[in-house]
C-alpha atoms as a PDB file:
ATOM      1  CA  UNK A   1       0.000   0.000   0.000  1.00  0.00           C
ATOM      2  CA  UNK A   2       1.654   3.183  -1.121  1.00  0.00           C
ATOM      3  CA  UNK A   3       0.098   6.593  -0.768  1.00  0.00           C
ATOM      4  CA  UNK A   4       3.027   8.515  -2.180  1.00  0.00           C
ATOM      5  CA  UNK A   5       5.334  10.844  -0.295  1.00  0.00           C
ATOM      6  CA  UNK A   6       4.661  11.029   3.457  1.00  0.00           C
ATOM      7  CA  UNK A   7       2.892  14.163   4.677  1.00  0.00           C
ATOM      8  CA  UNK A   8       3.596  15.605   8.129  1.00  0.00           C
ATOM      9  CA  UNK A   9       0.463  16.138  10.215  1.00  0.00           C
ATOM     10  CA  UNK A  10      -0.298  17.049  13.818  1.00  0.00           C
ATOM     11  CA  UNK A  11      -3.012  16.169  16.305  1.00  0.00           C
ATOM     12  CA  UNK A  12      -4.230  18.028  19.399  1.00  0.00           C
ATOM     13  CA  UNK A  13      -4.897  15.968  22.530  1.00  0.00           C
ATOM     14  CA  UNK A  14      -7.032  17.990  24.945  1.00  0.00           C
ATOM     15  CA  UNK A  15      -8.232  16.307  28.145  1.00  0.00           C
ATOM     16  CA  UNK A  16     -10.544  18.014  30.636  1.00  0.00           C
ATOM     17  CA  UNK A  17     -11.346  15.901  33.698  1.00  0.00           C
ATOM     18  CA  UNK A  18     -12.940  12.772  32.220  1.00  0.00           C
ATOM     19  CA  UNK A  19     -13.542  14.294  28.788  1.00  0.00           C
ATOM     20  CA  UNK A  20     -11.501  14.402  25.598  1.00  0.00           C
ATOM     21  CA  UNK A  21     -11.926  16.839  22.712  1.00  0.00           C
ATOM     22  CA  UNK A  22     -12.791  15.072  19.446  1.00  0.00           C
ATOM     23  CA  UNK A  23     -13.943  16.004  15.962  1.00  0.00           C
ATOM     24  CA  UNK A  24     -16.003  13.934  13.560  1.00  0.00           C
ATOM     25  CA  UNK A  25     -14.305  14.036  10.185  1.00  0.00           C
ATOM     26  CA  UNK A  26     -16.337  15.681   7.446  1.00  0.00           C
ATOM     27  CA  UNK A  27     -14.028  14.699   4.577  1.00  0.00           C
ATOM     28  CA  UNK A  28     -12.032  11.705   3.436  1.00  0.00           C
ATOM     29  CA  UNK A  29     -10.048   9.953   4.588  1.00  0.00           C
ATOM     30  CA  UNK A  30     -12.151   8.569   7.443  1.00  0.00           C
ATOM     31  CA  UNK A  31     -15.238  10.692   6.817  1.00  0.00           C
ATOM     32  CA  UNK A  32     -17.775  10.220   9.629  1.00  0.00           C
ATOM     33  CA  UNK A  33     -15.278   8.826  12.121  1.00  0.00           C
ATOM     34  CA  UNK A  34     -14.208  10.580  15.325  1.00  0.00           C
ATOM     35  CA  UNK A  35     -10.613  11.734  15.657  1.00  0.00           C
ATOM     36  CA  UNK A  36      -8.378  14.214  17.410  1.00  0.00           C
ATOM     37  CA  UNK A  37      -8.462  17.740  15.976  1.00  0.00           C
ATOM     38  CA  UNK A  38      -5.543  18.136  13.600  1.00  0.00           C
ATOM     39  CA  UNK A  39      -4.263  18.175  10.071  1.00  0.00           C
ATOM     40  CA  UNK A  40      -1.354  18.881   7.770  1.00  0.00           C
ATOM     41  CA  UNK A  41       1.610  21.055   8.700  1.00  0.00           C
ATOM     42  CA  UNK A  42       1.988  23.788   6.088  1.00  0.00           C
ATOM     43  CA  UNK A  43       5.306  24.619   4.415  1.00  0.00           C
ATOM     44  CA  UNK A  44       7.421  26.798   6.699  1.00  0.00           C
ATOM     45  CA  UNK A  45       5.087  26.236   9.674  1.00  0.00           C
ATOM     46  CA  UNK A  46       6.347  24.956  13.032  1.00  0.00           C
ATOM     47  CA  UNK A  47       4.522  21.852  14.274  1.00  0.00           C
ATOM     48  CA  UNK A  48       3.418  23.589  17.498  1.00  0.00           C
ATOM     49  CA  UNK A  49       1.943  26.443  15.444  1.00  0.00           C
ATOM     50  CA  UNK A  50       0.127  23.908  13.249  1.00  0.00           C
ATOM     51  CA  UNK A  51      -1.403  22.263  16.337  1.00  0.00           C
ATOM     52  CA  UNK A  52      -2.820  25.578  17.580  1.00  0.00           C
ATOM     53  CA  UNK A  53      -4.024  26.555  14.086  1.00  0.00           C
ATOM     54  CA  UNK A  54      -5.713  23.209  13.387  1.00  0.00           C
ATOM     55  CA  UNK A  55      -7.330  23.201  16.847  1.00  0.00           C
ATOM     56  CA  UNK A  56      -8.808  26.654  16.146  1.00  0.00           C
ATOM     57  CA  UNK A  57      -9.873  25.788  12.583  1.00  0.00           C
ATOM     58  CA  UNK A  58     -11.607  22.530  13.538  1.00  0.00           C
ATOM     59  CA  UNK A  59     -13.121  23.409  16.938  1.00  0.00           C
ATOM     60  CA  UNK A  60     -13.111  27.211  17.268  1.00  0.00           C
ATOM     61  CA  UNK A  61     -11.144  26.815  20.523  1.00  0.00           C
ATOM     62  CA  UNK A  62      -7.898  28.494  21.500  1.00  0.00           C
ATOM     63  CA  UNK A  63      -5.176  26.424  23.061  1.00  0.00           C
ATOM     64  CA  UNK A  64      -1.526  26.238  23.993  1.00  0.00           C
ATOM     65  CA  UNK A  65       0.549  23.405  22.579  1.00  0.00           C
ATOM     66  CA  UNK A  66       2.438  21.321  25.124  1.00  0.00           C
ATOM     67  CA  UNK A  67       4.639  18.243  24.896  1.00  0.00           C
ATOM     68  CA  UNK A  68       4.553  15.764  22.049  1.00  0.00           C
ATOM     69  CA  UNK A  69       2.983  12.502  23.228  1.00  0.00           C
ATOM     70  CA  UNK A  70       3.927  10.314  20.306  1.00  0.00           C
ATOM     71  CA  UNK A  71       3.314   9.713  16.652  1.00  0.00           C
ATOM     72  CA  UNK A  72       1.288   7.434  14.420  1.00  0.00           C
ATOM     73  CA  UNK A  73       1.433   6.545  10.772  1.00  0.00           C
ATOM     74  CA  UNK A  74      -1.674   6.197   8.611  1.00  0.00           C
ATOM     75  CA  UNK A  75      -1.336   4.750   5.111  1.00  0.00           C
ATOM     76  CA  UNK A  76      -3.964   4.187   2.467  1.00  0.00           C
ATOM     77  CA  UNK A  77      -3.751   3.799  -1.276  1.00  0.00           C
ATOM     78  CA  UNK A  78      -4.116   7.578  -1.635  1.00  0.00           C
ATOM     79  CA  UNK A  79      -2.313   8.925   1.453  1.00  0.00           C
ATOM     80  CA  UNK A  80       0.668   8.422   3.739  1.00  0.00           C
ATOM     81  CA  UNK A  81       0.348  10.559   6.870  1.00  0.00           C
ATOM     82  CA  UNK A  82       2.868  10.801   9.705  1.00  0.00           C
ATOM     83  CA  UNK A  83       0.957  12.366  12.603  1.00  0.00           C
ATOM     84  CA  UNK A  84       2.672  13.871  15.663  1.00  0.00           C
ATOM     85  CA  UNK A  85       0.205  14.169  18.559  1.00  0.00           C
ATOM     86  CA  UNK A  86       0.690  16.911  21.155  1.00  0.00           C
ATOM     87  CA  UNK A  87      -0.925  17.633  24.511  1.00  0.00           C
ATOM     88  CA  UNK A  88      -2.940  20.856  24.383  1.00  0.00           C
ATOM     89  CA  UNK A  89      -4.288  23.086  27.133  1.00  0.00           C
ATOM     90  CA  UNK A  90      -7.547  24.767  26.147  1.00  0.00           C
ATOM     91  CA  UNK A  91      -7.603  28.452  27.137  1.00  0.00           C
ATOM     92  CA  UNK A  92     -11.277  29.276  26.824  1.00  0.00           C
ATOM     93  CA  UNK A  93     -14.379  27.754  28.345  1.00  0.00           C
ATOM     94  CA  UNK A  94     -16.440  27.877  25.170  1.00  0.00           C
ATOM     95  CA  UNK A  95     -18.038  24.810  23.678  1.00  0.00           C
ATOM     96  CA  UNK A  96     -16.330  23.528  20.526  1.00  0.00           C
ATOM     97  CA  UNK A  97     -17.904  24.491  17.212  1.00  0.00           C
ATOM     98  CA  UNK A  98     -17.095  22.411  14.116  1.00  0.00           C
ATOM     99  CA  UNK A  99     -15.286  24.232  11.357  1.00  0.00           C
ATOM    100  CA  UNK A 100     -12.924  23.570   8.489  1.00  0.00           C
ATOM    101  CA  UNK A 101     -13.299  19.900   7.516  1.00  0.00           C
ATOM    102  CA  UNK A 102     -14.958  18.808  10.789  1.00  0.00           C
ATOM    103  CA  UNK A 103     -18.593  17.665  10.652  1.00  0.00           C
ATOM    104  CA  UNK A 104     -18.880  17.881  14.450  1.00  0.00           C
ATOM    105  CA  UNK A 105     -16.730  18.829  17.440  1.00  0.00           C
ATOM    106  CA  UNK A 106     -17.418  17.872  21.032  1.00  0.00           C
ATOM    107  CA  UNK A 107     -16.065  17.184  24.473  1.00  0.00           C
ATOM    108  CA  UNK A 108     -16.684  13.444  24.806  1.00  0.00           C
ATOM    109  CA  UNK A 109     -16.891  11.585  28.112  1.00  0.00           C
ATOM    110  CA  UNK A 110     -14.077   9.034  28.158  1.00  0.00           C
ATOM    111  CA  UNK A 111     -16.553   6.433  29.457  1.00  0.00           C
ATOM    112  CA  UNK A 112     -18.512   6.697  26.163  1.00  0.00           C
ATOM    113  CA  UNK A 113     -15.572   6.393  23.754  1.00  0.00           C
ATOM    114  CA  UNK A 114     -16.130   2.681  23.169  1.00  0.00           C
ATOM    115  CA  UNK A 115     -19.517   3.477  21.612  1.00  0.00           C
ATOM    116  CA  UNK A 116     -18.107   5.930  19.071  1.00  0.00           C
ATOM    117  CA  UNK A 117     -16.755   5.064  15.630  1.00  0.00           C
ATOM    118  CA  UNK A 118     -13.119   6.162  16.056  1.00  0.00           C
ATOM    119  CA  UNK A 119     -10.444   6.467  13.373  1.00  0.00           C
ATOM    120  CA  UNK A 120      -8.219   3.435  13.116  1.00  0.00           C
ATOM    121  CA  UNK A 121      -5.589   3.314  15.843  1.00  0.00           C
ATOM    122  CA  UNK A 122      -6.968   6.129  18.027  1.00  0.00           C
ATOM    123  CA  UNK A 123      -8.202   3.860  20.823  1.00  0.00           C
ATOM    124  CA  UNK A 124      -4.856   2.053  20.990  1.00  0.00           C
ATOM    125  CA  UNK A 125      -2.951   5.364  21.004  1.00  0.00           C
ATOM    126  CA  UNK A 126      -5.057   6.753  23.862  1.00  0.00           C
ATOM    127  CA  UNK A 127      -4.580   3.604  25.944  1.00  0.00           C
ATOM    128  CA  UNK A 128      -0.866   3.250  25.115  1.00  0.00           C
ATOM    129  CA  UNK A 129      -0.215   6.811  26.304  1.00  0.00           C
ATOM    130  CA  UNK A 130      -2.301   6.381  29.489  1.00  0.00           C
ATOM    131  CA  UNK A 131      -4.818   8.989  28.389  1.00  0.00           C
ATOM    132  CA  UNK A 132      -7.777   6.685  28.958  1.00  0.00           C
ATOM    133  CA  UNK A 133      -8.079   3.427  30.927  1.00  0.00           C
ATOM    134  CA  UNK A 134      -7.641   0.403  28.657  1.00  0.00           C
ATOM    135  CA  UNK A 135     -10.608  -1.344  30.210  1.00  0.00           C
ATOM    136  CA  UNK A 136     -12.955   1.228  28.668  1.00  0.00           C
ATOM    137  CA  UNK A 137     -12.016   0.633  25.039  1.00  0.00           C
ATOM    138  CA  UNK A 138     -12.158  -2.278  22.641  1.00  0.00           C
ATOM    139  CA  UNK A 139      -8.850  -2.268  20.811  1.00  0.00           C
ATOM    140  CA  UNK A 140     -10.035  -4.371  17.865  1.00  0.00           C
END
């Protein structure tokens, strides 16, 4: 499976008590599935700046980018994404509003994640990085 040249992307991991900020993708790949807010890093853009920009574009929220948690690789026939995921602190108390290519944006109770259609690998990433208890998610 070759999607061409790898593209650098970022993801924003925002946790608030027992909630995580997610967006439902409005475009391919993975249209209709829930994911972390994020997207491609633009030419000449620092990754931390891309995290803050993508967070704002997809959720309407302002945040500060923290430490990188890890990275994942997503490959399809059309795409090869290398995604660096960063912790984010949300600065405002507003509710997220979907924008850009997000069909929806919401704070989701961690206890309900197993009932949501998540992008491939997200559940495993969240458990692997101790962001959610492994007992709550099916890792199939």
